[in-house]
PDB file of all heavy atoms in Angstrom:
ATOM      1  N   LYS A   1       9.830 -24.297  -1.691  1.00  0.00           N
ATOM      2  CA  LYS A   1      11.284 -24.102  -1.646  1.00  0.00           C
ATOM      3  C   LYS A   1      11.726 -22.731  -1.680  1.00  0.00           C
ATOM      4  O   LYS A   1      12.628 -22.275  -1.023  1.00  0.00           O
ATOM      5  CB  LYS A   1      11.834 -24.990  -2.812  1.00  0.00           C
ATOM      6  CG  LYS A   1      11.867 -26.362  -2.633  1.00  0.00           C
ATOM      7  CD  LYS A   1      12.470 -27.111  -3.783  1.00  0.00           C
ATOM      8  CE  LYS A   1      12.180 -28.600  -3.645  1.00  0.00           C
ATOM      9  NZ  LYS A   1      12.546 -29.402  -4.939  1.00  0.00           N
ATOM     10  N   ILE A   2      11.044 -21.892  -2.476  1.00  0.00           N
ATOM     11  CA  ILE A   2      11.374 -20.407  -2.661  1.00  0.00           C
ATOM     12  C   ILE A   2      11.061 -19.550  -1.464  1.00  0.00           C
ATOM     13  O   ILE A   2      11.641 -18.690  -1.153  1.00  0.00           O
ATOM     14  CB  ILE A   2      10.773 -19.881  -3.982  1.00  0.00           C
ATOM     15  CG1 ILE A   2      11.293 -20.615  -5.230  1.00  0.00           C
ATOM     16  CG2 ILE A   2      10.949 -18.439  -4.086  1.00  0.00           C
ATOM     17  CD1 ILE A   2      10.574 -20.317  -6.443  1.00  0.00           C
ATOM     18  N   GLY A   3       9.935 -19.982  -0.808  1.00  0.00           N
ATOM     19  CA  GLY A   3       9.453 -19.417   0.426  1.00  0.00           C
ATOM     20  C   GLY A   3       9.017 -17.943   0.193  1.00  0.00           C
ATOM     21  O   GLY A   3       8.333 -17.664  -0.714  1.00  0.00           O
ATOM     22  N   SER A   4       9.382 -17.041   1.125  1.00  0.00           N
ATOM     23  CA  SER A   4       8.967 -15.629   0.943  1.00  0.00           C
ATOM     24  C   SER A   4       9.459 -14.917  -0.277  1.00  0.00           C
ATOM     25  O   SER A   4       9.120 -13.727  -0.514  1.00  0.00           O
ATOM     26  CB  SER A   4       9.343 -14.941   2.277  1.00  0.00           C
ATOM     27  OG  SER A   4      10.823 -14.835   2.356  1.00  0.00           O
ATOM     28  N   LYS A   5      10.499 -15.515  -0.911  1.00  0.00           N
ATOM     29  CA  LYS A   5      10.985 -14.801  -2.156  1.00  0.00           C
ATOM     30  C   LYS A   5      10.155 -15.218  -3.251  1.00  0.00           C
ATOM     31  O   LYS A   5      10.468 -14.602  -4.495  1.00  0.00           O
ATOM     32  CB  LYS A   5      12.439 -15.249  -2.331  1.00  0.00           C
ATOM     33  CG  LYS A   5      13.350 -14.656  -1.165  1.00  0.00           C
ATOM     34  CD  LYS A   5      14.827 -14.820  -1.784  1.00  0.00           C
ATOM     35  CE  LYS A   5      15.635 -14.132  -0.697  1.00  0.00           C
ATOM     36  NZ  LYS A   5      15.561 -12.746  -0.524  1.00  0.00           N
ATOM     37  N   TYR A   6       9.088 -16.022  -3.175  1.00  0.00           N
ATOM     38  CA  TYR A   6       8.336 -16.319  -4.313  1.00  0.00           C
ATOM     39  C   TYR A   6       7.605 -15.160  -4.961  1.00  0.00           C
ATOM     40  O   TYR A   6       7.073 -14.346  -4.218  1.00  0.00           O
ATOM     41  CB  TYR A   6       7.201 -17.441  -3.969  1.00  0.00           C
ATOM     42  CG  TYR A   6       6.244 -17.742  -5.006  1.00  0.00           C
ATOM     43  CD1 TYR A   6       6.765 -18.537  -6.112  1.00  0.00           C
ATOM     44  CD2 TYR A   6       4.998 -17.241  -5.128  1.00  0.00           C
ATOM     45  CE1 TYR A   6       5.880 -18.846  -7.203  1.00  0.00           C
ATOM     46  CE2 TYR A   6       4.291 -17.412  -6.210  1.00  0.00           C
ATOM     47  CZ  TYR A   6       4.605 -18.349  -7.208  1.00  0.00           C
ATOM     48  OH  TYR A   6       3.747 -18.582  -8.232  1.00  0.00           O
ATOM     49  N   GLY A   7       7.782 -14.998  -6.269  1.00  0.00           N
ATOM     50  CA  GLY A   7       7.110 -13.841  -6.851  1.00  0.00           C
ATOM     51  C   GLY A   7       7.942 -12.693  -7.057  1.00  0.00           C
ATOM     52  O   GLY A   7       7.637 -11.747  -7.759  1.00  0.00           O
ATOM     53  N   GLU A   8       9.106 -12.640  -6.323  1.00  0.00           N
ATOM     54  CA  GLU A   8      10.001 -11.475  -6.575  1.00  0.00           C
ATOM     55  C   GLU A   8      10.566 -11.363  -7.946  1.00  0.00           C
ATOM     56  O   GLU A   8      10.938 -12.401  -8.532  1.00  0.00           O
ATOM     57  CB  GLU A   8      11.161 -11.514  -5.449  1.00  0.00           C
ATOM     58  CG  GLU A   8      10.709 -11.137  -4.101  1.00  0.00           C
ATOM     59  CD  GLU A   8      11.948 -11.296  -3.045  1.00  0.00           C
ATOM     60  OE1 GLU A   8      12.995 -11.215  -3.549  1.00  0.00           O
ATOM     61  OE2 GLU A   8      11.552 -11.206  -1.974  1.00  0.00           O
ATOM     62  N   ASN A   9      10.773 -10.199  -8.402  1.00  0.00           N
ATOM     63  CA  ASN A   9      11.509 -10.060  -9.573  1.00  0.00           C
ATOM     64  C   ASN A   9      12.063  -8.426  -9.639  1.00  0.00           C
ATOM     65  O   ASN A   9      11.966  -7.913  -8.667  1.00  0.00           O
ATOM     66  CB  ASN A   9      10.625 -10.210 -10.868  1.00  0.00           C
ATOM     67  CG  ASN A   9       9.471  -9.140 -10.770  1.00  0.00           C
ATOM     68  OD1 ASN A   9       9.732  -8.014 -10.914  1.00  0.00           O
ATOM     69  ND2 ASN A   9       8.191  -9.630 -10.677  1.00  0.00           N
ATOM     70  N   ASN A  10      12.800  -8.221 -10.714  1.00  0.00           N
ATOM     71  CA  ASN A  10      13.416  -6.918 -10.787  1.00  0.00           C
ATOM     72  C   ASN A  10      12.780  -6.079 -11.731  1.00  0.00           C
ATOM     73  O   ASN A  10      13.457  -5.058 -12.278  1.00  0.00           O
ATOM     74  CB  ASN A  10      14.922  -7.101 -11.146  1.00  0.00           C
ATOM     75  CG  ASN A  10      15.657  -7.783  -9.961  1.00  0.00           C
ATOM     76  OD1 ASN A  10      15.441  -7.432  -8.765  1.00  0.00           O
ATOM     77  ND2 ASN A  10      16.450  -8.603 -10.194  1.00  0.00           N
ATOM     78  N   ILE A  11      11.565  -6.136 -11.969  1.00  0.00           N
ATOM     79  CA  ILE A  11      10.952  -5.300 -13.041  1.00  0.00           C
ATOM     80  C   ILE A  11      11.052  -3.782 -12.785  1.00  0.00           C
ATOM     81  O   ILE A  11      11.109  -2.977 -13.643  1.00  0.00           O
ATOM     82  CB  ILE A  11       9.456  -5.712 -13.273  1.00  0.00           C
ATOM     83  CG1 ILE A  11       8.838  -5.299 -14.582  1.00  0.00           C
ATOM     84  CG2 ILE A  11       8.563  -5.277 -12.095  1.00  0.00           C
ATOM     85  CD1 ILE A  11       7.585  -5.859 -14.985  1.00  0.00           C
ATOM     86  N   GLY A  12      10.988  -3.455 -11.494  1.00  0.00           N
ATOM     87  CA  GLY A  12      11.109  -1.987 -11.209  1.00  0.00           C
ATOM     88  C   GLY A  12      12.560  -1.576 -10.738  1.00  0.00           C
ATOM     89  O   GLY A  12      12.737  -0.513 -10.164  1.00  0.00           O
ATOM     90  N   GLN A  13      13.528  -2.441 -11.095  1.00  0.00           N
ATOM     91  CA  GLN A  13      14.961  -2.178 -10.727  1.00  0.00           C
ATOM     92  C   GLN A  13      15.382  -0.790 -11.145  1.00  0.00           C
ATOM     93  O   GLN A  13      15.094  -0.327 -12.297  1.00  0.00           O
ATOM     94  CB  GLN A  13      15.918  -3.278 -11.289  1.00  0.00           C
ATOM     95  CG  GLN A  13      17.347  -3.097 -10.858  1.00  0.00           C
ATOM     96  CD  GLN A  13      18.191  -4.228 -11.266  1.00  0.00           C
ATOM     97  OE1 GLN A  13      17.849  -4.933 -12.062  1.00  0.00           O
ATOM     98  NE2 GLN A  13      19.242  -4.266 -10.598  1.00  0.00           N
ATOM     99  N   ASN A  14      16.036   0.009 -10.200  1.00  0.00           N
ATOM    100  CA  ASN A  14      16.481   1.356 -10.452  1.00  0.00           C
ATOM    101  C   ASN A  14      15.403   2.359 -10.643  1.00  0.00           C
ATOM    102  O   ASN A  14      15.722   3.446 -11.237  1.00  0.00           O
ATOM    103  CB  ASN A  14      17.558   1.390 -11.591  1.00  0.00           C
ATOM    104  CG  ASN A  14      18.793   0.440 -11.218  1.00  0.00           C
ATOM    105  OD1 ASN A  14      19.249   0.494 -10.052  1.00  0.00           O
ATOM    106  ND2 ASN A  14      19.242  -0.222 -12.219  1.00  0.00           N
ATOM    107  N   LYS A  15      14.264   2.033 -10.334  1.00  0.00           N
ATOM    108  CA  LYS A  15      13.134   3.044 -10.619  1.00  0.00           C
ATOM    109  C   LYS A  15      12.569   3.443  -9.162  1.00  0.00           C
ATOM    110  O   LYS A  15      12.501   2.561  -8.361  1.00  0.00           O
ATOM    111  CB  LYS A  15      11.958   2.395 -11.465  1.00  0.00           C
ATOM    112  CG  LYS A  15      12.436   2.188 -12.911  1.00  0.00           C
ATOM    113  CD  LYS A  15      11.313   1.471 -13.615  1.00  0.00           C
ATOM    114  CE  LYS A  15      11.773   0.972 -15.010  1.00  0.00           C
ATOM    115  NZ  LYS A  15      10.767   0.252 -15.617  1.00  0.00           N
ATOM    116  N   LYS A  16      12.111   4.658  -9.101  1.00  0.00           N
ATOM    117  CA  LYS A  16      11.600   5.103  -7.765  1.00  0.00           C
ATOM    118  C   LYS A  16      10.163   5.278  -7.905  1.00  0.00           C
ATOM    119  O   LYS A  16       9.680   5.664  -8.937  1.00  0.00           O
ATOM    120  CB  LYS A  16      12.324   6.471  -7.322  1.00  0.00           C
ATOM    121  CG  LYS A  16      13.773   6.225  -7.047  1.00  0.00           C
ATOM    122  CD  LYS A  16      14.341   7.476  -6.573  1.00  0.00           C
ATOM    123  CE  LYS A  16      15.739   7.402  -6.257  1.00  0.00           C
ATOM    124  NZ  LYS A  16      16.391   8.606  -5.890  1.00  0.00           N
ATOM    125  N   VAL A  17       9.417   5.099  -6.807  1.00  0.00           N
ATOM    126  CA  VAL A  17       7.909   5.235  -6.859  1.00  0.00           C
ATOM    127  C   VAL A  17       7.450   5.797  -5.404  1.00  0.00           C
ATOM    128  O   VAL A  17       8.102   5.329  -4.368  1.00  0.00           O
ATOM    129  CB  VAL A  17       7.175   4.039  -7.218  1.00  0.00           C
ATOM    130  CG1 VAL A  17       7.335   2.928  -6.215  1.00  0.00           C
ATOM    131  CG2 VAL A  17       5.726   4.329  -7.537  1.00  0.00           C
ATOM    132  N   ASP A  18       6.631   6.634  -5.379  1.00  0.00           N
ATOM    133  CA  ASP A  18       6.127   7.286  -4.209  1.00  0.00           C
ATOM    134  C   ASP A  18       4.712   6.720  -4.065  1.00  0.00           C
ATOM    135  O   ASP A  18       3.826   7.089  -4.951  1.00  0.00           O
ATOM    136  CB  ASP A  18       6.145   8.751  -4.117  1.00  0.00           C
ATOM    137  CG  ASP A  18       5.737   9.309  -2.807  1.00  0.00           C
ATOM    138  OD1 ASP A  18       6.062   8.676  -1.779  1.00  0.00           O
ATOM    139  OD2 ASP A  18       5.120  10.498  -2.904  1.00  0.00           O
ATOM    140  N   VAL A  19       4.364   6.073  -2.914  1.00  0.00           N
ATOM    141  CA  VAL A  19       3.024   5.576  -2.717  1.00  0.00           C
ATOM    142  C   VAL A  19       2.455   6.392  -1.661  1.00  0.00           C
ATOM    143  O   VAL A  19       2.939   6.460  -0.512  1.00  0.00           O
ATOM    144  CB  VAL A  19       2.936   4.095  -2.355  1.00  0.00           C
ATOM    145  CG1 VAL A  19       1.550   3.714  -1.973  1.00  0.00           C
ATOM    146  CG2 VAL A  19       3.628   3.227  -3.513  1.00  0.00           C
ATOM    147  N   GLU A  20       1.332   7.153  -2.022  1.00  0.00           N
ATOM    148  CA  GLU A  20       0.688   8.064  -1.162  1.00  0.00           C
ATOM    149  C   GLU A  20      -0.535   7.383  -0.629  1.00  0.00           C
ATOM    150  O   GLU A  20      -1.246   7.032  -1.394  1.00  0.00           O
ATOM    151  CB  GLU A  20       0.475   9.365  -1.599  1.00  0.00           C
ATOM    152  CG  GLU A  20       1.640  10.209  -2.047  1.00  0.00           C
ATOM    153  CD  GLU A  20       1.235  11.635  -2.699  1.00  0.00           C
ATOM    154  OE1 GLU A  20       0.151  11.941  -2.688  1.00  0.00           O
ATOM    155  OE2 GLU A  20       2.249  12.283  -3.073  1.00  0.00           O
ATOM    156  N   PHE A  21      -0.811   7.301   0.692  1.00  0.00           N
ATOM    157  CA  PHE A  21      -2.145   6.972   1.144  1.00  0.00           C
ATOM    158  C   PHE A  21      -2.486   7.871   2.284  1.00  0.00           C
ATOM    159  O   PHE A  21      -1.773   8.367   2.941  1.00  0.00           O
ATOM    160  CB  PHE A  21      -2.189   5.557   1.512  1.00  0.00           C
ATOM    161  CG  PHE A  21      -1.024   4.898   2.169  1.00  0.00           C
ATOM    162  CD1 PHE A  21      -0.867   4.642   3.513  1.00  0.00           C
ATOM    163  CD2 PHE A  21       0.036   4.509   1.298  1.00  0.00           C
ATOM    164  CE1 PHE A  21       0.250   4.108   4.118  1.00  0.00           C
ATOM    165  CE2 PHE A  21       1.168   3.919   1.962  1.00  0.00           C
ATOM    166  CZ  PHE A  21       1.319   3.816   3.284  1.00  0.00           C
ATOM    167  N   ILE A  22      -3.890   8.141   2.290  1.00  0.00           N
ATOM    168  CA  ILE A  22      -4.304   9.215   3.143  1.00  0.00           C
ATOM    169  C   ILE A  22      -5.090   8.671   4.464  1.00  0.00           C
ATOM    170  O   ILE A  22      -5.522   7.575   4.456  1.00  0.00           O
ATOM    171  CB  ILE A  22      -5.211  10.129   2.332  1.00  0.00           C
ATOM    172  CG1 ILE A  22      -6.490   9.305   1.905  1.00  0.00           C
ATOM    173  CG2 ILE A  22      -4.531  10.738   1.205  1.00  0.00           C
ATOM    174  CD1 ILE A  22      -7.496  10.183   1.232  1.00  0.00           C
ATOM    175  N   SER A  23      -5.091   9.570   5.352  1.00  0.00           N
ATOM    176  CA  SER A  23      -5.767   9.283   6.565  1.00  0.00           C
ATOM    177  C   SER A  23      -7.343   9.487   6.506  1.00  0.00           C
ATOM    178  O   SER A  23      -7.776   9.966   5.338  1.00  0.00           O
ATOM    179  CB  SER A  23      -5.235  10.176   7.767  1.00  0.00           C
ATOM    180  OG  SER A  23      -5.540  11.506   7.483  1.00  0.00           O
ATOM    181  N   ALA A  24      -7.951   9.299   7.482  1.00  0.00           N
ATOM    182  CA  ALA A  24      -9.441   9.465   7.512  1.00  0.00           C
ATOM    183  C   ALA A  24      -9.661  10.941   7.333  1.00  0.00           C
ATOM    184  O   ALA A  24      -8.907  11.792   7.779  1.00  0.00           O
ATOM    185  CB  ALA A  24     -10.065   9.043   8.880  1.00  0.00           C
ATOM    186  N   ASN A  25     -10.766  11.266   6.687  1.00  0.00           N
ATOM    187  CA  ASN A  25     -11.327  12.685   6.509  1.00  0.00           C
ATOM    188  C   ASN A  25     -11.671  13.183   7.919  1.00  0.00           C
ATOM    189  O   ASN A  25     -12.727  12.651   8.447  1.00  0.00           O
ATOM    190  CB  ASN A  25     -12.282  12.706   5.571  1.00  0.00           C
ATOM    191  CG  ASN A  25     -12.913  14.115   5.350  1.00  0.00           C
ATOM    192  OD1 ASN A  25     -12.437  15.074   6.000  1.00  0.00           O
ATOM    193  ND2 ASN A  25     -13.841  14.353   4.429  1.00  0.00           N
ATOM    194  N   PRO A  26     -11.011  14.118   8.506  1.00  0.00           N
ATOM    195  CA  PRO A  26     -11.444  14.466   9.882  1.00  0.00           C
ATOM    196  C   PRO A  26     -12.599  15.254   9.920  1.00  0.00           C
ATOM    197  O   PRO A  26     -13.260  15.490  10.961  1.00  0.00           O
ATOM    198  CB  PRO A  26     -10.195  15.317  10.342  1.00  0.00           C
ATOM    199  CG  PRO A  26      -9.528  15.789   9.097  1.00  0.00           C
ATOM    200  CD  PRO A  26      -9.865  14.733   8.132  1.00  0.00           C
ATOM    201  N   THR A  27     -13.336  15.704   8.835  1.00  0.00           N
ATOM    202  CA  THR A  27     -14.442  16.563   8.795  1.00  0.00           C
ATOM    203  C   THR A  27     -15.813  15.621   8.608  1.00  0.00           C
ATOM    204  O   THR A  27     -16.849  16.237   8.632  1.00  0.00           O
ATOM    205  CB  THR A  27     -14.477  17.502   7.651  1.00  0.00           C
ATOM    206  OG1 THR A  27     -14.383  16.854   6.419  1.00  0.00           O
ATOM    207  CG2 THR A  27     -13.235  18.478   7.729  1.00  0.00           C
ATOM    208  N   GLY A  28     -15.542  14.296   8.634  1.00  0.00           N
ATOM    209  CA  GLY A  28     -16.723  13.464   8.441  1.00  0.00           C
ATOM    210  C   GLY A  28     -16.626  12.205   9.450  1.00  0.00           C
ATOM    211  O   GLY A  28     -15.577  12.140  10.165  1.00  0.00           O
ATOM    212  N   PRO A  29     -17.623  11.384   9.391  1.00  0.00           N
ATOM    213  CA  PRO A  29     -17.549  10.177  10.368  1.00  0.00           C
ATOM    214  C   PRO A  29     -16.472   9.226   9.807  1.00  0.00           C
ATOM    215  O   PRO A  29     -16.158   9.171   8.612  1.00  0.00           O
ATOM    216  CB  PRO A  29     -18.948   9.644  10.347  1.00  0.00           C
ATOM    217  CG  PRO A  29     -19.502  10.186   9.005  1.00  0.00           C
ATOM    218  CD  PRO A  29     -18.807  11.524   8.759  1.00  0.00           C
ATOM    219  N   LEU A  30     -15.957   8.511  10.682  1.00  0.00           N
ATOM    220  CA  LEU A  30     -15.022   7.416  10.332  1.00  0.00           C
ATOM    221  C   LEU A  30     -15.772   6.275   9.683  1.00  0.00           C
ATOM    222  O   LEU A  30     -16.823   5.882  10.085  1.00  0.00           O
ATOM    223  CB  LEU A  30     -14.275   6.773  11.607  1.00  0.00           C
ATOM    224  CG  LEU A  30     -13.323   7.747  12.162  1.00  0.00           C
ATOM    225  CD1 LEU A  30     -12.725   7.121  13.618  1.00  0.00           C
ATOM    226  CD2 LEU A  30     -12.128   8.096  11.391  1.00  0.00           C
ATOM    227  N   THR A  31     -15.122   5.571   8.754  1.00  0.00           N
ATOM    228  CA  THR A  31     -15.778   4.564   8.075  1.00  0.00           C
ATOM    229  C   THR A  31     -14.689   3.440   7.823  1.00  0.00           C
ATOM    230  O   THR A  31     -13.509   3.630   7.940  1.00  0.00           O
ATOM    231  CB  THR A  31     -16.324   4.983   6.542  1.00  0.00           C
ATOM    232  OG1 THR A  31     -15.197   5.255   5.781  1.00  0.00           O
ATOM    233  CG2 THR A  31     -17.183   6.176   6.696  1.00  0.00           C
ATOM    234  N   VAL A  32     -15.130   2.254   7.436  1.00  0.00           N
ATOM    235  CA  VAL A  32     -14.195   1.138   7.078  1.00  0.00           C
ATOM    236  C   VAL A  32     -13.289   1.655   5.948  1.00  0.00           C
ATOM    237  O   VAL A  32     -12.175   1.278   5.861  1.00  0.00           O
ATOM    238  CB  VAL A  32     -14.961  -0.106   6.803  1.00  0.00           C
ATOM    239  CG1 VAL A  32     -14.038  -1.155   6.174  1.00  0.00           C
ATOM    240  CG2 VAL A  32     -15.736  -0.694   7.964  1.00  0.00           C
ATOM    241  N   GLY A  33     -13.900   2.229   5.006  1.00  0.00           N
ATOM    242  CA  GLY A  33     -13.106   2.868   3.910  1.00  0.00           C
ATOM    243  C   GLY A  33     -11.926   3.715   4.271  1.00  0.00           C
ATOM    244  O   GLY A  33     -10.847   3.685   3.523  1.00  0.00           O
ATOM    245  N   ASN A  34     -11.995   4.478   5.223  1.00  0.00           N
ATOM    246  CA  ASN A  34     -11.053   5.303   5.813  1.00  0.00           C
ATOM    247  C   ASN A  34      -9.857   4.448   6.244  1.00  0.00           C
ATOM    248  O   ASN A  34      -8.665   4.718   5.922  1.00  0.00           O
ATOM    249  CB  ASN A  34     -11.362   6.055   7.089  1.00  0.00           C
ATOM    250  CG  ASN A  34     -12.464   7.119   6.778  1.00  0.00           C
ATOM    251  OD1 ASN A  34     -13.458   7.232   7.582  1.00  0.00           O
ATOM    252  ND2 ASN A  34     -12.455   7.781   5.589  1.00  0.00           N
ATOM    253  N   ALA A  35     -10.056   3.286   6.938  1.00  0.00           N
ATOM    254  CA  ALA A  35      -8.954   2.462   7.411  1.00  0.00           C
ATOM    255  C   ALA A  35      -8.469   1.637   6.141  1.00  0.00           C
ATOM    256  O   ALA A  35      -7.139   1.384   6.102  1.00  0.00           O
ATOM    257  CB  ALA A  35      -9.577   1.502   8.398  1.00  0.00           C
ATOM    258  N   ARG A  36      -9.240   1.402   5.284  1.00  0.00           N
ATOM    259  CA  ARG A  36      -8.872   0.541   4.083  1.00  0.00           C
ATOM    260  C   ARG A  36      -7.719   1.293   3.337  1.00  0.00           C
ATOM    261  O   ARG A  36      -6.874   0.526   2.808  1.00  0.00           O
ATOM    262  CB  ARG A  36      -9.989   0.264   3.158  1.00  0.00           C
ATOM    263  CG  ARG A  36      -9.854  -0.662   2.006  1.00  0.00           C
ATOM    264  CD  ARG A  36     -11.062  -0.735   1.179  1.00  0.00           C
ATOM    265  NE  ARG A  36     -11.783   0.372   0.941  1.00  0.00           N
ATOM    266  CZ  ARG A  36     -13.140   0.356   0.898  1.00  0.00           C
ATOM    267  NH1 ARG A  36     -13.937  -0.670   1.037  1.00  0.00           N
ATOM    268  NH2 ARG A  36     -13.688   1.522   0.485  1.00  0.00           N
ATOM    269  N   GLY A  37      -7.755   2.642   3.189  1.00  0.00           N
ATOM    270  CA  GLY A  37      -6.795   3.300   2.452  1.00  0.00           C
ATOM    271  C   GLY A  37      -5.340   3.106   2.925  1.00  0.00           C
ATOM    272  O   GLY A  37      -4.410   2.816   2.115  1.00  0.00           O
ATOM    273  N   GLY A  38      -5.160   3.096   4.283  1.00  0.00           N
ATOM    274  CA  GLY A  38      -3.827   2.870   4.758  1.00  0.00           C
ATOM    275  C   GLY A  38      -3.362   1.423   4.495  1.00  0.00           C
ATOM    276  O   GLY A  38      -2.217   1.253   4.057  1.00  0.00           O
ATOM    277  N   VAL A  39      -4.241   0.499   4.604  1.00  0.00           N
ATOM    278  CA  VAL A  39      -3.858  -1.016   4.484  1.00  0.00           C
ATOM    279  C   VAL A  39      -3.565  -1.236   3.012  1.00  0.00           C
ATOM    280  O   VAL A  39      -2.602  -1.833   2.621  1.00  0.00           O
ATOM    281  CB  VAL A  39      -4.944  -1.854   4.955  1.00  0.00           C
ATOM    282  CG1 VAL A  39      -4.721  -3.335   4.468  1.00  0.00           C
ATOM    283  CG2 VAL A  39      -5.234  -1.736   6.523  1.00  0.00           C
ATOM    284  N   ILE A  40      -4.439  -0.784   2.129  1.00  0.00           N
ATOM    285  CA  ILE A  40      -4.160  -0.953   0.660  1.00  0.00           C
ATOM    286  C   ILE A  40      -2.861  -0.199   0.196  1.00  0.00           C
ATOM    287  O   ILE A  40      -2.032  -0.884  -0.512  1.00  0.00           O
ATOM    288  CB  ILE A  40      -5.363  -0.516  -0.136  1.00  0.00           C
ATOM    289  CG1 ILE A  40      -6.568  -1.567   0.105  1.00  0.00           C
ATOM    290  CG2 ILE A  40      -4.980  -0.547  -1.682  1.00  0.00           C
ATOM    291  CD1 ILE A  40      -7.815  -1.110  -0.598  1.00  0.00           C
ATOM    292  N   GLY A  41      -2.731   0.908   0.666  1.00  0.00           N
ATOM    293  CA  GLY A  41      -1.467   1.691   0.359  1.00  0.00           C
ATOM    294  C   GLY A  41      -0.178   1.000   0.731  1.00  0.00           C
ATOM    295  O   GLY A  41       0.822   0.850  -0.017  1.00  0.00           O
ATOM    296  N   ASP A  42      -0.274   0.461   2.013  1.00  0.00           N
ATOM    297  CA  ASP A  42       0.864  -0.330   2.430  1.00  0.00           C
ATOM    298  C   ASP A  42       1.172  -1.539   1.662  1.00  0.00           C
ATOM    299  O   ASP A  42       2.255  -1.943   1.260  1.00  0.00           O
ATOM    300  CB  ASP A  42       0.844  -0.594   3.834  1.00  0.00           C
ATOM    301  CG  ASP A  42       2.147  -1.106   4.578  1.00  0.00           C
ATOM    302  OD1 ASP A  42       3.126  -0.449   4.234  1.00  0.00           O
ATOM    303  OD2 ASP A  42       2.097  -2.215   5.173  1.00  0.00           O
ATOM    304  N   CYS A  43       0.056  -2.162   1.347  1.00  0.00           N
ATOM    305  CA  CYS A  43       0.142  -3.533   0.573  1.00  0.00           C
ATOM    306  C   CYS A  43       0.751  -3.185  -0.912  1.00  0.00           C
ATOM    307  O   CYS A  43       1.647  -4.043  -1.405  1.00  0.00           O
ATOM    308  CB  CYS A  43      -1.166  -4.218   0.447  1.00  0.00           C
ATOM    309  SG  CYS A  43      -1.780  -4.991   1.895  1.00  0.00           S
ATOM    310  N   VAL A  44       0.323  -2.166  -1.549  1.00  0.00           N
ATOM    311  CA  VAL A  44       0.801  -1.841  -2.824  1.00  0.00           C
ATOM    312  C   VAL A  44       2.193  -1.491  -2.819  1.00  0.00           C
ATOM    313  O   VAL A  44       3.030  -2.077  -3.550  1.00  0.00           O
ATOM    314  CB  VAL A  44      -0.070  -0.638  -3.397  1.00  0.00           C
ATOM    315  CG1 VAL A  44       0.648  -0.019  -4.624  1.00  0.00           C
ATOM    316  CG2 VAL A  44      -1.548  -1.005  -3.679  1.00  0.00           C
TER     317      VAL A  44
END
């Protein structure tokens, strides 16, 4: 019944947060871990 609003709350109301996630290290080979940083950062 709640749908996509399930789990929403206002615990962070009026608070700001900056989520930084980094790209792949260009001085080394690409790994799955490099891609994971962006996905996890966006999910958080």
